[in-house]
Amino acid sequence: MPGEAVYLLFGVWALAILVVFIQAIRLSYRIEARSPDLTNRSGLPRNAMMFHTITNLSVARDEETQGLRRKMIRLLLVVVAGFALMAVGIGLVDRTP
């Protein structure tokens, strides 16, 4: 029974990290809208250009856009750290008898 509660906790943790990732995607779209070279002019939906926004390729150089970019990078680091912690936690739980 206690093992099931731990996996339920890991599931809730994964959902929380997924919410943070969606926030990062939304920020990426806001950055693209503020950057003339990244705006979507085709009229068709497309995926977020996160590689461009992370690496600062064709992103507007004004301070507000760069601040959004730094916030997005922090959110993505939280996602990576969160999933790494979850992997370590699952590994520790699986080891215990």
C-alpha atoms as a PDB file:
ATOM      1  CA  MET A   1       0.000   0.000   0.000  1.00  0.00           C
ATOM      2  CA  PRO A   2       2.673   2.620   0.835  1.00  0.00           C
ATOM      3  CA  GLY A   3       4.392   1.937  -2.492  1.00  0.00           C
ATOM      4  CA  GLU A   4       1.233   2.850  -4.366  1.00  0.00           C
ATOM      5  CA  ALA A   5       1.037   6.197  -2.561  1.00  0.00           C
ATOM      6  CA  VAL A   6       4.599   6.999  -3.629  1.00  0.00           C
ATOM      7  CA  TYR A   7       3.782   6.335  -7.271  1.00  0.00           C
ATOM      8  CA  LEU A   8       0.663   8.480  -6.962  1.00  0.00           C
ATOM      9  CA  LEU A   9       2.902  11.251  -5.632  1.00  0.00           C
ATOM     10  CA  PHE A  10       5.233  10.788  -8.612  1.00  0.00           C
ATOM     11  CA  GLY A  11       2.252  11.047 -10.962  1.00  0.00           C
ATOM     12  CA  VAL A  12       1.129  14.316  -9.383  1.00  0.00           C
ATOM     13  CA  TRP A  13       4.746  15.543  -9.533  1.00  0.00           C
ATOM     14  CA  ALA A  14       4.910  14.725 -13.261  1.00  0.00           C
ATOM     15  CA  LEU A  15       1.657  16.606 -13.890  1.00  0.00           C
ATOM     16  CA  ALA A  16       3.021  19.631 -12.026  1.00  0.00           C
ATOM     17  CA  ILE A  17       6.191  19.587 -14.145  1.00  0.00           C
ATOM     18  CA  LEU A  18       4.038  19.263 -17.267  1.00  0.00           C
ATOM     19  CA  VAL A  19       2.144  22.405 -16.234  1.00  0.00           C
ATOM     20  CA  VAL A  20       5.467  24.254 -15.903  1.00  0.00           C
ATOM     21  CA  PHE A  21       6.473  23.049 -19.383  1.00  0.00           C
ATOM     22  CA  ILE A  22       3.207  24.332 -20.857  1.00  0.00           C
ATOM     23  CA  GLN A  23       3.892  27.710 -19.238  1.00  0.00           C
ATOM     24  CA  ALA A  24       7.308  27.734 -20.955  1.00  0.00           C
ATOM     25  CA  ILE A  25       5.660  26.975 -24.312  1.00  0.00           C
ATOM     26  CA  ARG A  26       3.193  29.828 -23.808  1.00  0.00           C
ATOM     27  CA  LEU A  27       6.097  32.170 -23.024  1.00  0.00           C
ATOM     28  CA  SER A  28       7.826  31.026 -26.203  1.00  0.00           C
ATOM     29  CA  TYR A  29       4.762  32.009 -28.226  1.00  0.00           C
ATOM     30  CA  ARG A  30       4.725  35.435 -26.517  1.00  0.00           C
ATOM     31  CA  ILE A  31       8.403  35.912 -27.361  1.00  0.00           C
ATOM     32  CA  GLU A  32       7.740  34.942 -30.990  1.00  0.00           C
ATOM     33  CA  ALA A  33       4.887  37.453 -31.196  1.00  0.00           C
ATOM     34  CA  ARG A  34       7.222  40.214 -29.994  1.00  0.00           C
ATOM     35  CA  SER A  35       9.995  39.253 -32.450  1.00  0.00           C
ATOM     36  CA  PRO A  36       9.403  40.380 -36.052  1.00  0.00           C
ATOM     37  CA  ASP A  37      11.640  37.674 -37.557  1.00  0.00           C
ATOM     38  CA  LEU A  38       9.804  34.889 -35.708  1.00  0.00           C
ATOM     39  CA  THR A  39       6.182  35.901 -36.270  1.00  0.00           C
ATOM     40  CA  ASN A  40       4.001  33.371 -38.044  1.00  0.00           C
ATOM     41  CA  ARG A  41       2.827  34.948 -41.307  1.00  0.00           C
ATOM     42  CA  SER A  42       1.608  31.747 -42.966  1.00  0.00           C
ATOM     43  CA  GLY A  43      -1.783  31.762 -41.275  1.00  0.00           C
ATOM     44  CA  LEU A  44      -1.334  28.093 -40.397  1.00  0.00           C
ATOM     45  CA  PRO A  45      -0.645  26.900 -36.856  1.00  0.00           C
ATOM     46  CA  ARG A  46       2.888  25.802 -36.090  1.00  0.00           C
ATOM     47  CA  ASN A  47       4.879  24.496 -33.171  1.00  0.00           C
ATOM     48  CA  ALA A  48       6.606  26.889 -30.818  1.00  0.00           C
ATOM     49  CA  MET A  49      10.070  27.833 -32.029  1.00  0.00           C
ATOM     50  CA  MET A  50      11.661  27.097 -28.678  1.00  0.00           C
ATOM     51  CA  PHE A  51      15.101  26.356 -30.125  1.00  0.00           C
ATOM     52  CA  HIS A  52      15.215  29.881 -31.561  1.00  0.00           C
ATOM     53  CA  THR A  53      14.007  31.504 -28.364  1.00  0.00           C
ATOM     54  CA  ILE A  54      16.385  29.511 -26.147  1.00  0.00           C
ATOM     55  CA  THR A  55      19.422  30.259 -28.321  1.00  0.00           C
ATOM     56  CA  ASN A  56      18.331  33.878 -28.944  1.00  0.00           C
ATOM     57  CA  LEU A  57      18.202  33.426 -32.745  1.00  0.00           C
ATOM     58  CA  SER A  58      16.123  36.153 -34.439  1.00  0.00           C
ATOM     59  CA  VAL A  59      14.646  37.214 -31.101  1.00  0.00           C
ATOM     60  CA  ALA A  60      13.908  40.897 -30.487  1.00  0.00           C
ATOM     61  CA  ARG A  61      16.652  42.522 -28.425  1.00  0.00           C
ATOM     62  CA  ASP A  62      14.474  44.801 -26.290  1.00  0.00           C
ATOM     63  CA  GLU A  63      14.720  44.351 -22.529  1.00  0.00           C
ATOM     64  CA  GLU A  64      11.163  43.085 -22.000  1.00  0.00           C
ATOM     65  CA  THR A  65      11.494  40.329 -24.621  1.00  0.00           C
ATOM     66  CA  GLN A  66      14.874  39.291 -23.238  1.00  0.00           C
ATOM     67  CA  GLY A  67      13.338  39.192 -19.751  1.00  0.00           C
ATOM     68  CA  LEU A  68      10.606  36.867 -21.041  1.00  0.00           C
ATOM     69  CA  ARG A  69      13.299  34.725 -22.615  1.00  0.00           C
ATOM     70  CA  ARG A  70      15.231  34.463 -19.341  1.00  0.00           C
ATOM     71  CA  LYS A  71      12.019  33.507 -17.527  1.00  0.00           C
ATOM     72  CA  MET A  72      11.319  30.794 -20.127  1.00  0.00           C
ATOM     73  CA  ILE A  73      14.832  29.384 -19.719  1.00  0.00           C
ATOM     74  CA  ARG A  74      14.355  29.263 -15.928  1.00  0.00           C
ATOM     75  CA  LEU A  75      11.081  27.385 -16.382  1.00  0.00           C
ATOM     76  CA  LEU A  76      12.768  24.877 -18.693  1.00  0.00           C
ATOM     77  CA  LEU A  77      15.532  24.345 -16.134  1.00  0.00           C
ATOM     78  CA  VAL A  78      12.851  23.667 -13.518  1.00  0.00           C
ATOM     79  CA  VAL A  79      11.351  21.053 -15.858  1.00  0.00           C
ATOM     80  CA  VAL A  80      14.689  19.310 -16.375  1.00  0.00           C
ATOM     81  CA  ALA A  81      15.498  19.379 -12.651  1.00  0.00           C
ATOM     82  CA  GLY A  82      12.009  18.175 -11.757  1.00  0.00           C
ATOM     83  CA  PHE A  83      12.141  15.158 -14.022  1.00  0.00           C
ATOM     84  CA  ALA A  84      15.694  14.362 -12.886  1.00  0.00           C
ATOM     85  CA  LEU A  85      14.560  14.423  -9.253  1.00  0.00           C
ATOM     86  CA  MET A  86      11.609  12.218 -10.107  1.00  0.00           C
ATOM     87  CA  ALA A  87      13.873   9.712 -11.856  1.00  0.00           C
ATOM     88  CA  VAL A  88      16.162   9.599  -8.835  1.00  0.00           C
ATOM     89  CA  GLY A  89      13.154   9.169  -6.545  1.00  0.00           C
ATOM     90  CA  ILE A  90      11.743   6.320  -8.607  1.00  0.00           C
ATOM     91  CA  GLY A  91      15.156   4.667  -8.651  1.00  0.00           C
ATOM     92  CA  LEU A  92      15.395   4.902  -4.859  1.00  0.00           C
ATOM     93  CA  VAL A  93      11.879   3.559  -4.353  1.00  0.00           C
ATOM     94  CA  ASP A  94      12.498   0.614  -6.688  1.00  0.00           C
ATOM     95  CA  ARG A  95      15.663  -0.320  -4.775  1.00  0.00           C
ATOM     96  CA  THR A  96      14.075  -0.543  -1.351  1.00  0.00           C
ATOM     97  CA  PRO A  97      12.755  -4.013  -0.441  1.00  0.00           C
END
